[in-house]
Amino acid sequence: MQHTSFEHGPASKRLQRPMVGLRMDAAEFEQCKALAEADARSAGQFALLMYRRGLEAWEAERGASRSARRR
Protein backbone atom coordinates (compact mmCIF):
# COMPACT_ATOMS: atom_id res chain seq x y z
CA MET A 1 0.00 0.00 0.00
CA GLN A 2 1.35 3.38 -0.94
CA HIS A 3 1.20 6.40 1.35
CA THR A 4 -1.12 9.13 0.16
CA SER A 5 0.13 12.55 1.13
CA PHE A 6 -2.27 15.14 2.46
CA GLU A 7 -1.56 18.79 1.89
CA HIS A 8 -2.31 20.90 4.92
CA GLY A 9 -3.12 24.54 4.46
CA PRO A 10 -1.25 27.25 6.32
CA ALA A 11 -1.43 26.90 10.08
CA SER A 12 -3.30 30.20 10.33
CA LYS A 13 -6.13 28.76 8.23
CA ARG A 14 -6.47 25.56 10.27
CA LEU A 15 -8.52 25.41 13.41
CA GLN A 16 -6.26 26.18 16.34
CA ARG A 17 -7.38 24.98 19.75
CA PRO A 18 -5.35 26.01 22.78
CA MET A 19 -4.12 23.25 25.05
CA VAL A 20 -5.08 23.16 28.70
CA GLY A 21 -3.26 20.96 31.18
CA LEU A 22 -5.31 18.91 33.62
CA ARG A 23 -3.77 17.21 36.63
CA MET A 24 -5.46 14.17 38.15
CA ASP A 25 -4.65 11.72 40.89
CA ALA A 26 -3.23 8.46 39.56
CA ALA A 27 -6.50 6.65 40.33
CA GLU A 28 -8.54 9.31 38.52
CA PHE A 29 -6.27 9.08 35.49
CA GLU A 30 -6.51 5.28 35.37
CA GLN A 31 -10.30 5.54 35.58
CA CYS A 32 -10.31 8.17 32.83
CA LYS A 33 -8.17 5.95 30.58
CA ALA A 34 -10.34 2.88 31.24
CA LEU A 35 -13.61 4.73 30.59
CA ALA A 36 -12.16 6.37 27.49
CA GLU A 37 -11.03 3.02 26.11
CA ALA A 38 -14.45 1.50 26.77
CA ASP A 39 -15.98 4.41 24.82
CA ALA A 40 -13.40 4.18 21.98
CA ARG A 41 -11.95 7.61 22.80
CA SER A 42 -8.59 8.94 23.82
CA ALA A 43 -8.17 9.99 27.45
CA GLY A 44 -7.97 13.60 26.29
CA GLN A 45 -11.19 13.37 24.29
CA PHE A 46 -12.93 11.73 27.23
CA ALA A 47 -11.69 14.37 29.68
CA LEU A 48 -12.89 17.15 27.34
CA LEU A 49 -16.29 15.48 27.03
CA MET A 50 -16.61 15.19 30.81
CA TYR A 51 -15.54 18.83 31.23
CA ARG A 52 -18.21 19.95 28.76
CA ARG A 53 -20.89 17.85 30.47
CA GLY A 54 -19.86 19.15 33.89
CA LEU A 55 -19.83 22.74 32.66
CA GLU A 56 -23.30 22.32 31.19
CA ALA A 57 -24.60 20.92 34.49
CA TRP A 58 -22.87 23.68 36.48
CA GLU A 59 -24.34 26.39 34.26
CA ALA A 60 -27.82 24.83 34.60
CA GLU A 61 -27.47 24.71 38.39
CA ARG A 62 -26.20 28.26 38.49
CA GLY A 63 -29.10 29.44 36.33
CA ALA A 64 -31.59 27.57 38.54
CA SER A 65 -30.12 29.08 41.70
CA ARG A 66 -30.24 32.58 40.19
CA SER A 67 -33.90 32.21 39.20
CA ALA A 68 -34.74 30.89 42.71
CA ARG A 69 -33.15 33.98 44.28
CA ARG A 70 -35.26 36.29 42.09
CA ARG A 71 -38.50 35.07 43.66
C-alpha atoms as a PDB file:
ATOM      1  CA  MET A   1       0.000   0.000   0.000  1.00  0.00           C
ATOM      2  CA  GLN A   2       1.355   3.380  -0.937  1.00  0.00           C
ATOM      3  CA  HIS A   3       1.202   6.398   1.348  1.00  0.00           C
ATOM      4  CA  THR A   4      -1.122   9.131   0.158  1.00  0.00           C
ATOM      5  CA  SER A   5       0.131  12.545   1.131  1.00  0.00           C
ATOM      6  CA  PHE A   6      -2.270  15.135   2.461  1.00  0.00           C
ATOM      7  CA  GLU A   7      -1.558  18.787   1.888  1.00  0.00           C
ATOM      8  CA  HIS A   8      -2.305  20.901   4.920  1.00  0.00           C
ATOM      9  CA  GLY A   9      -3.124  24.537   4.461  1.00  0.00           C
ATOM     10  CA  PRO A  10      -1.245  27.248   6.318  1.00  0.00           C
ATOM     11  CA  ALA A  11      -1.433  26.903  10.083  1.00  0.00           C
ATOM     12  CA  SER A  12      -3.304  30.204  10.329  1.00  0.00           C
ATOM     13  CA  LYS A  13      -6.126  28.758   8.232  1.00  0.00           C
ATOM     14  CA  ARG A  14      -6.472  25.561  10.267  1.00  0.00           C
ATOM     15  CA  LEU A  15      -8.523  25.413  13.415  1.00  0.00           C
ATOM     16  CA  GLN A  16      -6.264  26.184  16.342  1.00  0.00           C
ATOM     17  CA  ARG A  17      -7.380  24.979  19.748  1.00  0.00           C
ATOM     18  CA  PRO A  18      -5.350  26.009  22.781  1.00  0.00           C
ATOM     19  CA  MET A  19      -4.118  23.251  25.047  1.00  0.00           C
ATOM     20  CA  VAL A  20      -5.084  23.159  28.704  1.00  0.00           C
ATOM     21  CA  GLY A  21      -3.257  20.956  31.178  1.00  0.00           C
ATOM     22  CA  LEU A  22      -5.307  18.912  33.618  1.00  0.00           C
ATOM     23  CA  ARG A  23      -3.774  17.213  36.634  1.00  0.00           C
ATOM     24  CA  MET A  24      -5.462  14.174  38.150  1.00  0.00           C
ATOM     25  CA  ASP A  25      -4.654  11.716  40.889  1.00  0.00           C
ATOM     26  CA  ALA A  26      -3.232   8.459  39.556  1.00  0.00           C
ATOM     27  CA  ALA A  27      -6.500   6.653  40.333  1.00  0.00           C
ATOM     28  CA  GLU A  28      -8.539   9.311  38.517  1.00  0.00           C
ATOM     29  CA  PHE A  29      -6.267   9.078  35.487  1.00  0.00           C
ATOM     30  CA  GLU A  30      -6.511   5.282  35.371  1.00  0.00           C
ATOM     31  CA  GLN A  31     -10.298   5.543  35.583  1.00  0.00           C
ATOM     32  CA  CYS A  32     -10.310   8.173  32.833  1.00  0.00           C
ATOM     33  CA  LYS A  33      -8.175   5.952  30.582  1.00  0.00           C
ATOM     34  CA  ALA A  34     -10.340   2.881  31.237  1.00  0.00           C
ATOM     35  CA  LEU A  35     -13.608   4.725  30.591  1.00  0.00           C
ATOM     36  CA  ALA A  36     -12.161   6.367  27.493  1.00  0.00           C
ATOM     37  CA  GLU A  37     -11.033   3.022  26.114  1.00  0.00           C
ATOM     38  CA  ALA A  38     -14.454   1.501  26.774  1.00  0.00           C
ATOM     39  CA  ASP A  39     -15.978   4.407  24.823  1.00  0.00           C
ATOM     40  CA  ALA A  40     -13.399   4.181  21.982  1.00  0.00           C
ATOM     41  CA  ARG A  41     -11.949   7.610  22.798  1.00  0.00           C
ATOM     42  CA  SER A  42      -8.594   8.943  23.819  1.00  0.00           C
ATOM     43  CA  ALA A  43      -8.169   9.986  27.450  1.00  0.00           C
ATOM     44  CA  GLY A  44      -7.965  13.605  26.287  1.00  0.00           C
ATOM     45  CA  GLN A  45     -11.187  13.368  24.286  1.00  0.00           C
ATOM     46  CA  PHE A  46     -12.928  11.730  27.231  1.00  0.00           C
ATOM     47  CA  ALA A  47     -11.686  14.373  29.680  1.00  0.00           C
ATOM     48  CA  LEU A  48     -12.889  17.151  27.339  1.00  0.00           C
ATOM     49  CA  LEU A  49     -16.289  15.485  27.028  1.00  0.00           C
ATOM     50  CA  MET A  50     -16.607  15.193  30.808  1.00  0.00           C
ATOM     51  CA  TYR A  51     -15.536  18.834  31.226  1.00  0.00           C
ATOM     52  CA  ARG A  52     -18.206  19.946  28.762  1.00  0.00           C
ATOM     53  CA  ARG A  53     -20.893  17.854  30.474  1.00  0.00           C
ATOM     54  CA  GLY A  54     -19.860  19.154  33.886  1.00  0.00           C
ATOM     55  CA  LEU A  55     -19.827  22.738  32.658  1.00  0.00           C
ATOM     56  CA  GLU A  56     -23.302  22.324  31.187  1.00  0.00           C
ATOM     57  CA  ALA A  57     -24.599  20.923  34.487  1.00  0.00           C
ATOM     58  CA  TRP A  58     -22.873  23.677  36.480  1.00  0.00           C
ATOM     59  CA  GLU A  59     -24.336  26.386  34.259  1.00  0.00           C
ATOM     60  CA  ALA A  60     -27.815  24.826  34.599  1.00  0.00           C
ATOM     61  CA  GLU A  61     -27.471  24.710  38.390  1.00  0.00           C
ATOM     62  CA  ARG A  62     -26.205  28.257  38.485  1.00  0.00           C
ATOM     63  CA  GLY A  63     -29.104  29.438  36.330  1.00  0.00           C
ATOM     64  CA  ALA A  64     -31.589  27.574  38.541  1.00  0.00           C
ATOM     65  CA  SER A  65     -30.125  29.084  41.697  1.00  0.00           C
ATOM     66  CA  ARG A  66     -30.242  32.580  40.189  1.00  0.00           C
ATOM     67  CA  SER A  67     -33.896  32.207  39.202  1.00  0.00           C
ATOM     68  CA  ALA A  68     -34.735  30.886  42.706  1.00  0.00           C
ATOM     69  CA  ARG A  69     -33.148  33.975  44.276  1.00  0.00           C
ATOM     70  CA  ARG A  70     -35.258  36.289  42.086  1.00  0.00           C
ATOM     71  CA  ARG A  71     -38.500  35.069  43.657  1.00  0.00           C
END
